[in-house]
Amino acid sequence: MKLLVIGSILFGAIVFALLPILSTYFFQPSLKDSIKFNVYFLPLNFLGNVVLAWGFIQGAKLFGNTVMLSGIQLGTNAIIVTALSILVLHQKISMYSILGIVLIVIGTVLLNK
């Protein structure tokens, strides 16, 4: 059950990290395209939200530590957004971004102790 809860948190984090990359890659920054993007990806957004909510509800019962679960979600989100920005959008990432990710991972590890 613990792996299922952690997996649902990771799945939700990956979905919510993927959405801004997809919107940046496929759509122009206009209101019309923003509405189209949200309509097209509503099922994925809904699924990610349901799975993430289930993970947090079950994780609160199982672990009793929602801060740890939030740390896992935040760390995963930061790593995935950074990796996809480099791979898909061909953006350069600064040393401060890398340092921030390292600090998030360290914080998540410390929250688990």
PDB file of N, CA and C in Angstrom:
ATOM      1  N   MET A   1       0.826  -1.198   0.000  1.00  0.00           N
ATOM      2  CA  MET A   1       0.000   0.000   0.000  1.00  0.00           C
ATOM      3  C   MET A   1       0.870   1.262   0.000  1.00  0.00           C
ATOM      4  N   LYS A   2       2.007   1.198   0.729  1.00  0.00           N
ATOM      5  CA  LYS A   2       2.890   2.367   0.772  1.00  0.00           C
ATOM      6  C   LYS A   2       3.419   2.722  -0.611  1.00  0.00           C
ATOM      7  N   LEU A   3       3.801   1.697  -1.377  1.00  0.00           N
ATOM      8  CA  LEU A   3       4.300   1.957  -2.726  1.00  0.00           C
ATOM      9  C   LEU A   3       3.217   2.525  -3.632  1.00  0.00           C
ATOM     10  N   LEU A   4       1.988   2.083  -3.437  1.00  0.00           N
ATOM     11  CA  LEU A   4       0.867   2.592  -4.229  1.00  0.00           C
ATOM     12  C   LEU A   4       0.622   4.069  -3.921  1.00  0.00           C
ATOM     13  N   VAL A   5       0.709   4.441  -2.647  1.00  0.00           N
ATOM     14  CA  VAL A   5       0.524   5.841  -2.250  1.00  0.00           C
ATOM     15  C   VAL A   5       1.646   6.705  -2.822  1.00  0.00           C
ATOM     16  N   ILE A   6       2.899   6.266  -2.650  1.00  0.00           N
ATOM     17  CA  ILE A   6       4.030   7.030  -3.191  1.00  0.00           C
ATOM     18  C   ILE A   6       3.933   7.103  -4.716  1.00  0.00           C
ATOM     19  N   GLY A   7       3.536   6.001  -5.350  1.00  0.00           N
ATOM     20  CA  GLY A   7       3.363   5.997  -6.803  1.00  0.00           C
ATOM     21  C   GLY A   7       2.297   6.974  -7.267  1.00  0.00           C
ATOM     22  N   SER A   8       1.205   7.084  -6.513  1.00  0.00           N
ATOM     23  CA  SER A   8       0.149   8.029  -6.896  1.00  0.00           C
ATOM     24  C   SER A   8       0.622   9.472  -6.733  1.00  0.00           C
ATOM     25  N   ILE A   9       1.403   9.735  -5.694  1.00  0.00           N
ATOM     26  CA  ILE A   9       1.968  11.082  -5.516  1.00  0.00           C
ATOM     27  C   ILE A   9       2.914  11.398  -6.669  1.00  0.00           C
ATOM     28  N   LEU A  10       3.751  10.444  -7.029  1.00  0.00           N
ATOM     29  CA  LEU A  10       4.689  10.659  -8.143  1.00  0.00           C
ATOM     30  C   LEU A  10       3.948  10.837  -9.469  1.00  0.00           C
ATOM     31  N   PHE A  11       2.910  10.032  -9.703  1.00  0.00           N
ATOM     32  CA  PHE A  11       2.131  10.160 -10.937  1.00  0.00           C
ATOM     33  C   PHE A  11       1.486  11.539 -11.031  1.00  0.00           C
ATOM     34  N   GLY A  12       0.850  11.972  -9.945  1.00  0.00           N
ATOM     35  CA  GLY A  12       0.225  13.292  -9.944  1.00  0.00           C
ATOM     36  C   GLY A  12       1.234  14.406 -10.164  1.00  0.00           C
ATOM     37  N   ALA A  13       2.408  14.274  -9.531  1.00  0.00           N
ATOM     38  CA  ALA A  13       3.443  15.293  -9.706  1.00  0.00           C
ATOM     39  C   ALA A  13       3.941  15.329 -11.144  1.00  0.00           C
ATOM     40  N   ILE A  14       4.101  14.162 -11.746  1.00  0.00           N
ATOM     41  CA  ILE A  14       4.566  14.113 -13.136  1.00  0.00           C
ATOM     42  C   ILE A  14       3.528  14.721 -14.074  1.00  0.00           C
ATOM     43  N   VAL A  15       2.258  14.434 -13.843  1.00  0.00           N
ATOM     44  CA  VAL A  15       1.202  15.010 -14.685  1.00  0.00           C
ATOM     45  C   VAL A  15       1.226  16.530 -14.588  1.00  0.00           C
ATOM     46  N   PHE A  16       1.318  17.056 -13.371  1.00  0.00           N
ATOM     47  CA  PHE A  16       1.286  18.507 -13.210  1.00  0.00           C
ATOM     48  C   PHE A  16       2.589  19.181 -13.619  1.00  0.00           C
ATOM     49  N   ALA A  17       3.669  18.412 -13.720  1.00  0.00           N
ATOM     50  CA  ALA A  17       4.910  18.961 -14.263  1.00  0.00           C
ATOM     51  C   ALA A  17       4.863  18.960 -15.787  1.00  0.00           C
ATOM     52  N   LEU A  18       4.163  17.983 -16.345  1.00  0.00           N
ATOM     53  CA  LEU A  18       4.081  17.849 -17.790  1.00  0.00           C
ATOM     54  C   LEU A  18       3.187  18.918 -18.436  1.00  0.00           C
ATOM     55  N   LEU A  19       2.134  19.335 -17.753  1.00  0.00           N
ATOM     56  CA  LEU A  19       1.170  20.269 -18.339  1.00  0.00           C
ATOM     57  C   LEU A  19       1.773  21.608 -18.774  1.00  0.00           C
ATOM     58  N   PRO A  20       2.579  22.287 -17.942  1.00  0.00           N
ATOM     59  CA  PRO A  20       3.123  23.566 -18.430  1.00  0.00           C
ATOM     60  C   PRO A  20       4.105  23.398 -19.587  1.00  0.00           C
ATOM     61  N   ILE A  21       4.819  22.288 -19.627  1.00  0.00           N
ATOM     62  CA  ILE A  21       5.745  22.043 -20.739  1.00  0.00           C
ATOM     63  C   ILE A  21       4.952  21.830 -22.030  1.00  0.00           C
ATOM     64  N   LEU A  22       3.890  21.045 -21.956  1.00  0.00           N
ATOM     65  CA  LEU A  22       3.052  20.819 -23.134  1.00  0.00           C
ATOM     66  C   LEU A  22       2.410  22.110 -23.621  1.00  0.00           C
ATOM     67  N   SER A  23       1.930  22.920 -22.686  1.00  0.00           N
ATOM     68  CA  SER A  23       1.292  24.166 -23.107  1.00  0.00           C
ATOM     69  C   SER A  23       2.295  25.100 -23.764  1.00  0.00           C
ATOM     70  N   THR A  24       3.493  25.143 -23.253  1.00  0.00           N
ATOM     71  CA  THR A  24       4.533  26.011 -23.830  1.00  0.00           C
ATOM     72  C   THR A  24       4.969  25.507 -25.198  1.00  0.00           C
ATOM     73  N   TYR A  25       5.046  24.204 -25.340  1.00  0.00           N
ATOM     74  CA  TYR A  25       5.541  23.629 -26.583  1.00  0.00           C
ATOM     75  C   TYR A  25       4.519  23.688 -27.718  1.00  0.00           C
ATOM     76  N   PHE A  26       3.260  23.431 -27.416  1.00  0.00           N
ATOM     77  CA  PHE A  26       2.261  23.283 -28.469  1.00  0.00           C
ATOM     78  C   PHE A  26       1.388  24.508 -28.714  1.00  0.00           C
ATOM     79  N   PHE A  27       1.324  25.452 -27.778  1.00  0.00           N
ATOM     80  CA  PHE A  27       0.365  26.545 -27.896  1.00  0.00           C
ATOM     81  C   PHE A  27       1.046  27.896 -27.769  1.00  0.00           C
ATOM     82  N   GLN A  28       0.443  28.894 -28.404  1.00  0.00           N
ATOM     83  CA  GLN A  28       0.913  30.271 -28.322  1.00  0.00           C
ATOM     84  C   GLN A  28       0.364  30.916 -27.049  1.00  0.00           C
ATOM     85  N   PRO A  29       1.052  31.929 -26.528  1.00  0.00           N
ATOM     86  CA  PRO A  29       0.564  32.592 -25.302  1.00  0.00           C
ATOM     87  C   PRO A  29      -0.590  33.554 -25.595  1.00  0.00           C
ATOM     88  N   SER A  30      -1.748  33.008 -25.876  1.00  0.00           N
ATOM     89  CA  SER A  30      -2.930  33.822 -26.101  1.00  0.00           C
ATOM     90  C   SER A  30      -4.091  33.218 -25.321  1.00  0.00           C
ATOM     91  N   LEU A  31      -5.106  34.001 -25.094  1.00  0.00           N
ATOM     92  CA  LEU A  31      -6.268  33.526 -24.344  1.00  0.00           C
ATOM     93  C   LEU A  31      -6.954  32.380 -25.082  1.00  0.00           C
ATOM     94  N   LYS A  32      -7.084  32.505 -26.391  1.00  0.00           N
ATOM     95  CA  LYS A  32      -7.739  31.471 -27.193  1.00  0.00           C
ATOM     96  C   LYS A  32      -6.992  30.142 -27.084  1.00  0.00           C
ATOM     97  N   ASP A  33      -5.669  30.166 -27.235  1.00  0.00           N
ATOM     98  CA  ASP A  33      -4.879  28.945 -27.130  1.00  0.00           C
ATOM     99  C   ASP A  33      -4.867  28.404 -25.708  1.00  0.00           C
ATOM    100  N   SER A  34      -4.916  29.275 -24.731  1.00  0.00           N
ATOM    101  CA  SER A  34      -4.968  28.839 -23.339  1.00  0.00           C
ATOM    102  C   SER A  34      -6.259  28.081 -23.054  1.00  0.00           C
ATOM    103  N   ILE A  35      -7.350  28.568 -23.593  1.00  0.00           N
ATOM    104  CA  ILE A  35      -8.640  27.889 -23.425  1.00  0.00           C
ATOM    105  C   ILE A  35      -8.618  26.544 -24.151  1.00  0.00           C
ATOM    106  N   LYS A  36      -8.071  26.526 -25.385  1.00  0.00           N
ATOM    107  CA  LYS A  36      -7.973  25.275 -26.139  1.00  0.00           C
ATOM    108  C   LYS A  36      -7.125  24.245 -25.380  1.00  0.00           C
ATOM    109  N   PHE A  37      -5.999  24.686 -24.858  1.00  0.00           N
ATOM    110  CA  PHE A  37      -5.126  23.776 -24.124  1.00  0.00           C
ATOM    111  C   PHE A  37      -5.852  23.167 -22.929  1.00  0.00           C
ATOM    112  N   ASN A  38      -6.544  23.999 -22.170  1.00  0.00           N
ATOM    113  CA  ASN A  38      -7.234  23.499 -20.982  1.00  0.00           C
ATOM    114  C   ASN A  38      -8.381  22.558 -21.334  1.00  0.00           C
ATOM    115  N   VAL A  39      -9.047  22.798 -22.453  1.00  0.00           N
ATOM    116  CA  VAL A  39     -10.105  21.887 -22.885  1.00  0.00           C
ATOM    117  C   VAL A  39      -9.506  20.559 -23.355  1.00  0.00           C
ATOM    118  N   TYR A  40      -8.435  20.620 -24.143  1.00  0.00           N
ATOM    119  CA  TYR A  40      -7.812  19.406 -24.664  1.00  0.00           C
ATOM    120  C   TYR A  40      -7.248  18.524 -23.547  1.00  0.00           C
ATOM    121  N   PHE A  41      -6.622  19.153 -22.570  1.00  0.00           N
ATOM    122  CA  PHE A  41      -5.926  18.387 -21.538  1.00  0.00           C
ATOM    123  C   PHE A  41      -6.711  18.275 -20.229  1.00  0.00           C
ATOM    124  N   LEU A  42      -7.994  18.616 -20.270  1.00  0.00           N
ATOM    125  CA  LEU A  42      -8.824  18.488 -19.070  1.00  0.00           C
ATOM    126  C   LEU A  42      -8.883  17.052 -18.541  1.00  0.00           C
ATOM    127  N   PRO A  43      -9.041  16.030 -19.394  1.00  0.00           N
ATOM    128  CA  PRO A  43      -9.067  14.665 -18.855  1.00  0.00           C
ATOM    129  C   PRO A  43      -7.773  14.282 -18.131  1.00  0.00           C
ATOM    130  N   LEU A  44      -6.624  14.656 -18.693  1.00  0.00           N
ATOM    131  CA  LEU A  44      -5.345  14.362 -18.047  1.00  0.00           C
ATOM    132  C   LEU A  44      -5.209  15.126 -16.737  1.00  0.00           C
ATOM    133  N   ASN A  45      -5.605  16.384 -16.746  1.00  0.00           N
ATOM    134  CA  ASN A  45      -5.568  17.211 -15.547  1.00  0.00           C
ATOM    135  C   ASN A  45      -6.473  16.622 -14.464  1.00  0.00           C
ATOM    136  N   PHE A  46      -7.665  16.197 -14.856  1.00  0.00           N
ATOM    137  CA  PHE A  46      -8.613  15.604 -13.910  1.00  0.00           C
ATOM    138  C   PHE A  46      -8.054  14.312 -13.326  1.00  0.00           C
ATOM    139  N   LEU A  47      -7.518  13.453 -14.184  1.00  0.00           N
ATOM    140  CA  LEU A  47      -6.946  12.184 -13.727  1.00  0.00           C
ATOM    141  C   LEU A  47      -5.783  12.418 -12.761  1.00  0.00           C
ATOM    142  N   GLY A  48      -4.889  13.343 -13.101  1.00  0.00           N
ATOM    143  CA  GLY A  48      -3.770  13.653 -12.215  1.00  0.00           C
ATOM    144  C   GLY A  48      -4.241  14.174 -10.868  1.00  0.00           C
ATOM    145  N   ASN A  49      -5.261  15.002 -10.875  1.00  0.00           N
ATOM    146  CA  ASN A  49      -5.789  15.568  -9.633  1.00  0.00           C
ATOM    147  C   ASN A  49      -6.447  14.503  -8.768  1.00  0.00           C
ATOM    148  N   VAL A  50      -7.209  13.599  -9.386  1.00  0.00           N
ATOM    149  CA  VAL A  50      -7.871  12.523  -8.637  1.00  0.00           C
ATOM    150  C   VAL A  50      -6.829  11.589  -8.016  1.00  0.00           C
ATOM    151  N   VAL A  51      -5.855  11.183  -8.799  1.00  0.00           N
ATOM    152  CA  VAL A  51      -4.824  10.271  -8.297  1.00  0.00           C
ATOM    153  C   VAL A  51      -4.010  10.934  -7.196  1.00  0.00           C
ATOM    154  N   LEU A  52      -3.666  12.202  -7.377  1.00  0.00           N
ATOM    155  CA  LEU A  52      -2.901  12.933  -6.363  1.00  0.00           C
ATOM    156  C   LEU A  52      -3.706  13.095  -5.076  1.00  0.00           C
ATOM    157  N   ALA A  53      -4.983  13.420  -5.196  1.00  0.00           N
ATOM    158  CA  ALA A  53      -5.827  13.567  -4.006  1.00  0.00           C
ATOM    159  C   ALA A  53      -5.955  12.238  -3.270  1.00  0.00           C
ATOM    160  N   TRP A  54      -6.151  11.151  -4.013  1.00  0.00           N
ATOM    161  CA  TRP A  54      -6.229   9.837  -3.384  1.00  0.00           C
ATOM    162  C   TRP A  54      -4.928   9.514  -2.645  1.00  0.00           C
ATOM    163  N   GLY A  55      -3.795   9.832  -3.291  1.00  0.00           N
ATOM    164  CA  GLY A  55      -2.500   9.575  -2.655  1.00  0.00           C
ATOM    165  C   GLY A  55      -2.325  10.351  -1.369  1.00  0.00           C
ATOM    166  N   PHE A  56      -2.750  11.610  -1.364  1.00  0.00           N
ATOM    167  CA  PHE A  56      -2.627  12.414  -0.150  1.00  0.00           C
ATOM    168  C   PHE A  56      -3.569  11.932   0.954  1.00  0.00           C
ATOM    169  N   ILE A  57      -4.792  11.543   0.588  1.00  0.00           N
ATOM    170  CA  ILE A  57      -5.747  11.064   1.592  1.00  0.00           C
ATOM    171  C   ILE A  57      -5.246   9.763   2.216  1.00  0.00           C
ATOM    172  N   GLN A  58      -4.837   8.807   1.377  1.00  0.00           N
ATOM    173  CA  GLN A  58      -4.335   7.541   1.889  1.00  0.00           C
ATOM    174  C   GLN A  58      -3.000   7.715   2.604  1.00  0.00           C
ATOM    175  N   GLY A  59      -2.160   8.610   2.072  1.00  0.00           N
ATOM    176  CA  GLY A  59      -0.852   8.858   2.694  1.00  0.00           C
ATOM    177  C   GLY A  59      -0.972   9.483   4.070  1.00  0.00           C
ATOM    178  N   ALA A  60      -1.964  10.348   4.248  1.00  0.00           N
ATOM    179  CA  ALA A  60      -2.180  10.960   5.565  1.00  0.00           C
ATOM    180  C   ALA A  60      -2.565   9.897   6.584  1.00  0.00           C
ATOM    181  N   LYS A  61      -3.370   8.918   6.158  1.00  0.00           N
ATOM    182  CA  LYS A  61      -3.763   7.826   7.053  1.00  0.00           C
ATOM    183  C   LYS A  61      -2.585   6.893   7.326  1.00  0.00           C
ATOM    184  N   LEU A  62      -1.838   6.588   6.276  1.00  0.00           N
ATOM    185  CA  LEU A  62      -0.785   5.583   6.359  1.00  0.00           C
ATOM    186  C   LEU A  62       0.480   6.104   7.034  1.00  0.00           C
ATOM    187  N   PHE A  63       0.938   7.277   6.593  1.00  0.00           N
ATOM    188  CA  PHE A  63       2.195   7.833   7.104  1.00  0.00           C
ATOM    189  C   PHE A  63       1.973   8.829   8.233  1.00  0.00           C
ATOM    190  N   GLY A  64       0.828   9.515   8.208  1.00  0.00           N
ATOM    191  CA  GLY A  64       0.574  10.555   9.209  1.00  0.00           C
ATOM    192  C   GLY A  64       1.445  11.775   9.016  1.00  0.00           C
ATOM    193  N   ASN A  65       1.982  11.944   7.801  1.00  0.00           N
ATOM    194  CA  ASN A  65       2.910  13.041   7.543  1.00  0.00           C
ATOM    195  C   ASN A  65       2.669  13.578   6.133  1.00  0.00           C
ATOM    196  N   THR A  66       1.755  14.525   6.004  1.00  0.00           N
ATOM    197  CA  THR A  66       1.479  15.093   4.682  1.00  0.00           C
ATOM    198  C   THR A  66       2.585  16.029   4.217  1.00  0.00           C
ATOM    199  N   VAL A  67       3.386  16.533   5.153  1.00  0.00           N
ATOM    200  CA  VAL A  67       4.512  17.392   4.773  1.00  0.00           C
ATOM    201  C   VAL A  67       5.514  16.588   3.956  1.00  0.00           C
ATOM    202  N   MET A  68       5.767  15.350   4.364  1.00  0.00           N
ATOM    203  CA  MET A  68       6.675  14.484   3.617  1.00  0.00           C
ATOM    204  C   MET A  68       6.125  14.237   2.211  1.00  0.00           C
ATOM    205  N   LEU A  69       4.832  13.976   2.103  1.00  0.00           N
ATOM    206  CA  LEU A  69       4.220  13.727   0.797  1.00  0.00           C
ATOM    207  C   LEU A  69       4.288  14.967  -0.088  1.00  0.00           C
ATOM    208  N   SER A  70       4.077  16.120   0.500  1.00  0.00           N
ATOM    209  CA  SER A  70       4.192  17.380  -0.259  1.00  0.00           C
ATOM    210  C   SER A  70       5.620  17.591  -0.736  1.00  0.00           C
ATOM    211  N   GLY A  71       6.584  17.236   0.097  1.00  0.00           N
ATOM    212  CA  GLY A  71       7.994  17.347  -0.291  1.00  0.00           C
ATOM    213  C   GLY A  71       8.319  16.445  -1.469  1.00  0.00           C
ATOM    214  N   ILE A  72       7.773  15.241  -1.444  1.00  0.00           N
ATOM    215  CA  ILE A  72       7.986  14.319  -2.566  1.00  0.00           C
ATOM    216  C   ILE A  72       7.367  14.886  -3.838  1.00  0.00           C
ATOM    217  N   GLN A  73       6.155  15.413  -3.731  1.00  0.00           N
ATOM    218  CA  GLN A  73       5.492  15.995  -4.897  1.00  0.00           C
ATOM    219  C   GLN A  73       6.272  17.192  -5.426  1.00  0.00           C
ATOM    220  N   LEU A  74       6.681  18.072  -4.539  1.00  0.00           N
ATOM    221  CA  LEU A  74       7.406  19.278  -4.950  1.00  0.00           C
ATOM    222  C   LEU A  74       8.742  18.936  -5.589  1.00  0.00           C
ATOM    223  N   GLY A  75       9.465  18.015  -4.980  1.00  0.00           N
ATOM    224  CA  GLY A  75      10.767  17.623  -5.528  1.00  0.00           C
ATOM    225  C   GLY A  75      10.640  16.980  -6.892  1.00  0.00           C
ATOM    226  N   THR A  76       9.674  16.079  -7.027  1.00  0.00           N
ATOM    227  CA  THR A  76       9.446  15.418  -8.309  1.00  0.00           C
ATOM    228  C   THR A  76       9.049  16.433  -9.374  1.00  0.00           C
ATOM    229  N   ASN A  77       8.162  17.339  -9.008  1.00  0.00           N
ATOM    230  CA  ASN A  77       7.703  18.367  -9.938  1.00  0.00           C
ATOM    231  C   ASN A  77       8.878  19.220 -10.420  1.00  0.00           C
ATOM    232  N   ALA A  78       9.729  19.661  -9.505  1.00  0.00           N
ATOM    233  CA  ALA A  78      10.868  20.507  -9.881  1.00  0.00           C
ATOM    234  C   ALA A  78      11.840  19.767 -10.799  1.00  0.00           C
ATOM    235  N   ILE A  79      12.100  18.507 -10.497  1.00  0.00           N
ATOM    236  CA  ILE A  79      13.040  17.725 -11.307  1.00  0.00           C
ATOM    237  C   ILE A  79      12.470  17.475 -12.700  1.00  0.00           C
ATOM    238  N   ILE A  80      11.202  17.113 -12.788  1.00  0.00           N
ATOM    239  CA  ILE A  80      10.588  16.812 -14.085  1.00  0.00           C
ATOM    240  C   ILE A  80      10.477  18.068 -14.946  1.00  0.00           C
ATOM    241  N   VAL A  81      10.042  19.184 -14.350  1.00  0.00           N
ATOM    242  CA  VAL A  81       9.941  20.430 -15.123  1.00  0.00           C
ATOM    243  C   VAL A  81      11.314  20.845 -15.639  1.00  0.00           C
ATOM    244  N   THR A  82      12.333  20.734 -14.818  1.00  0.00           N
ATOM    245  CA  THR A  82      13.686  21.097 -15.245  1.00  0.00           C
ATOM    246  C   THR A  82      14.172  20.185 -16.363  1.00  0.00           C
ATOM    247  N   ALA A  83      13.994  18.880 -16.189  1.00  0.00           N
ATOM    248  CA  ALA A  83      14.449  17.932 -17.212  1.00  0.00           C
ATOM    249  C   ALA A  83      13.706  18.144 -18.532  1.00  0.00           C
ATOM    250  N   LEU A  84      12.391  18.317 -18.470  1.00  0.00           N
ATOM    251  CA  LEU A  84      11.627  18.525 -19.696  1.00  0.00           C
ATOM    252  C   LEU A  84      11.922  19.879 -20.342  1.00  0.00           C
ATOM    253  N   SER A  85      12.234  20.878 -19.534  1.00  0.00           N
ATOM    254  CA  SER A  85      12.610  22.183 -20.101  1.00  0.00           C
ATOM    255  C   SER A  85      13.901  22.063 -20.900  1.00  0.00           C
ATOM    256  N   ILE A  86      14.816  21.267 -20.396  1.00  0.00           N
ATOM    257  CA  ILE A  86      16.082  21.060 -21.105  1.00  0.00           C
ATOM    258  C   ILE A  86      15.864  20.225 -22.364  1.00  0.00           C
ATOM    259  N   LEU A  87      15.136  19.112 -22.231  1.00  0.00           N
ATOM    260  CA  LEU A  87      14.983  18.171 -23.340  1.00  0.00           C
ATOM    261  C   LEU A  87      14.003  18.635 -24.413  1.00  0.00           C
ATOM    262  N   VAL A  88      12.855  19.165 -23.999  1.00  0.00           N
ATOM    263  CA  VAL A  88      11.802  19.498 -24.966  1.00  0.00           C
ATOM    264  C   VAL A  88      11.908  20.942 -25.447  1.00  0.00           C
ATOM    265  N   LEU A  89      12.106  21.860 -24.515  1.00  0.00           N
ATOM    266  CA  LEU A  89      12.109  23.280 -24.865  1.00  0.00           C
ATOM    267  C   LEU A  89      13.504  23.824 -25.169  1.00  0.00           C
ATOM    268  N   HIS A  90      14.527  23.007 -24.963  1.00  0.00           N
ATOM    269  CA  HIS A  90      15.923  23.376 -25.226  1.00  0.00           C
ATOM    270  C   HIS A  90      16.337  24.635 -24.470  1.00  0.00           C
ATOM    271  N   GLN A  91      15.938  24.717 -23.223  1.00  0.00           N
ATOM    272  CA  GLN A  91      16.287  25.864 -22.399  1.00  0.00           C
ATOM    273  C   GLN A  91      17.560  25.580 -21.614  1.00  0.00           C
ATOM    274  N   LYS A  92      18.272  26.631 -21.304  1.00  0.00           N
ATOM    275  CA  LYS A  92      19.470  26.526 -20.473  1.00  0.00           C
ATOM    276  C   LYS A  92      19.040  26.701 -19.014  1.00  0.00           C
ATOM    277  N   ILE A  93      19.568  25.844 -18.145  1.00  0.00           N
ATOM    278  CA  ILE A  93      19.231  25.898 -16.729  1.00  0.00           C
ATOM    279  C   ILE A  93      20.422  26.456 -15.962  1.00  0.00           C
ATOM    280  N   SER A  94      20.148  27.404 -15.089  1.00  0.00           N
ATOM    281  CA  SER A  94      21.221  28.041 -14.346  1.00  0.00           C
ATOM    282  C   SER A  94      21.693  27.178 -13.185  1.00  0.00           C
ATOM    283  N   MET A  95      22.825  27.535 -12.639  1.00  0.00           N
ATOM    284  CA  MET A  95      23.375  26.847 -11.479  1.00  0.00           C
ATOM    285  C   MET A  95      22.447  27.009 -10.278  1.00  0.00           C
ATOM    286  N   TYR A  96      21.748  28.146 -10.189  1.00  0.00           N
ATOM    287  CA  TYR A  96      20.806  28.372  -9.089  1.00  0.00           C
ATOM    288  C   TYR A  96      19.643  27.386  -9.142  1.00  0.00           C
ATOM    289  N   SER A  97      19.192  27.054 -10.350  1.00  0.00           N
ATOM    290  CA  SER A  97      18.120  26.068 -10.491  1.00  0.00           C
ATOM    291  C   SER A  97      18.577  24.692 -10.014  1.00  0.00           C
ATOM    292  N   ILE A  98      19.775  24.320 -10.397  1.00  0.00           N
ATOM    293  CA  ILE A  98      20.315  23.029  -9.969  1.00  0.00           C
ATOM    294  C   ILE A  98      20.493  23.006  -8.460  1.00  0.00           C
ATOM    295  N   LEU A  99      21.004  24.090  -7.899  1.00  0.00           N
ATOM    296  CA  LEU A  99      21.167  24.180  -6.447  1.00  0.00           C
ATOM    297  C   LEU A  99      19.810  24.088  -5.748  1.00  0.00           C
ATOM    298  N   GLY A 100      18.800  24.732  -6.298  1.00  0.00           N
ATOM    299  CA  GLY A 100      17.453  24.673  -5.725  1.00  0.00           C
ATOM    300  C   GLY A 100      16.895  23.265  -5.720  1.00  0.00           C
ATOM    301  N   ILE A 101      17.108  22.531  -6.803  1.00  0.00           N
ATOM    302  CA  ILE A 101      16.637  21.148  -6.870  1.00  0.00           C
ATOM    303  C   ILE A 101      17.362  20.289  -5.839  1.00  0.00           C
ATOM    304  N   VAL A 102      18.654  20.480  -5.709  1.00  0.00           N
ATOM    305  CA  VAL A 102      19.422  19.720  -4.716  1.00  0.00           C
ATOM    306  C   VAL A 102      18.904  20.016  -3.310  1.00  0.00           C
ATOM    307  N   LEU A 103      18.601  21.277  -3.020  1.00  0.00           N
ATOM    308  CA  LEU A 103      18.079  21.626  -1.701  1.00  0.00           C
ATOM    309  C   LEU A 103      16.693  21.021  -1.461  1.00  0.00           C
ATOM    310  N   ILE A 104      15.866  20.973  -2.500  1.00  0.00           N
ATOM    311  CA  ILE A 104      14.544  20.351  -2.366  1.00  0.00           C
ATOM    312  C   ILE A 104      14.696  18.864  -2.058  1.00  0.00           C
ATOM    313  N   VAL A 105      15.608  18.184  -2.765  1.00  0.00           N
ATOM    314  CA  VAL A 105      15.821  16.763  -2.518  1.00  0.00           C
ATOM    315  C   VAL A 105      16.351  16.537  -1.100  1.00  0.00           C
ATOM    316  N   ILE A 106      17.287  17.361  -0.664  1.00  0.00           N
ATOM    317  CA  ILE A 106      17.804  17.243   0.702  1.00  0.00           C
ATOM    318  C   ILE A 106      16.679  17.481   1.720  1.00  0.00           C
ATOM    319  N   GLY A 107      15.840  18.477   1.477  1.00  0.00           N
ATOM    320  CA  GLY A 107      14.720  18.752   2.376  1.00  0.00           C
ATOM    321  C   GLY A 107      13.737  17.600   2.437  1.00  0.00           C
ATOM    322  N   THR A 108      13.465  16.979   1.295  1.00  0.00           N
ATOM    323  CA  THR A 108      12.560  15.834   1.276  1.00  0.00           C
ATOM    324  C   THR A 108      13.142  14.657   2.056  1.00  0.00           C
ATOM    325  N   VAL A 109      14.421  14.430   1.902  1.00  0.00           N
ATOM    326  CA  VAL A 109      15.078  13.353   2.664  1.00  0.00           C
ATOM    327  C   VAL A 109      15.011  13.648   4.153  1.00  0.00           C
ATOM    328  N   LEU A 110      15.252  14.905   4.531  1.00  0.00           N
ATOM    329  CA  LEU A 110      15.202  15.263   5.945  1.00  0.00           C
ATOM    330  C   LEU A 110      13.784  15.151   6.512  1.00  0.00           C
ATOM    331  N   LEU A 111      12.779  15.424   5.697  1.00  0.00           N
ATOM    332  CA  LEU A 111      11.391  15.286   6.164  1.00  0.00           C
ATOM    333  C   LEU A 111      11.024  13.828   6.424  1.00  0.00           C
ATOM    334  N   ASN A 112      11.707  12.912   5.749  1.00  0.00           N
ATOM    335  CA  ASN A 112      11.441  11.494   5.940  1.00  0.00           C
ATOM    336  C   ASN A 112      12.084  10.940   7.205  1.00  0.00           C
ATOM    337  N   LYS A 113      12.967  11.681   7.803  1.00  0.00           N
ATOM    338  CA  LYS A 113      13.671  11.181   9.006  1.00  0.00           C
ATOM    339  C   LYS A 113      12.863  11.407  10.254  1.00  0.00           C
TER     340      LYS A 113
END
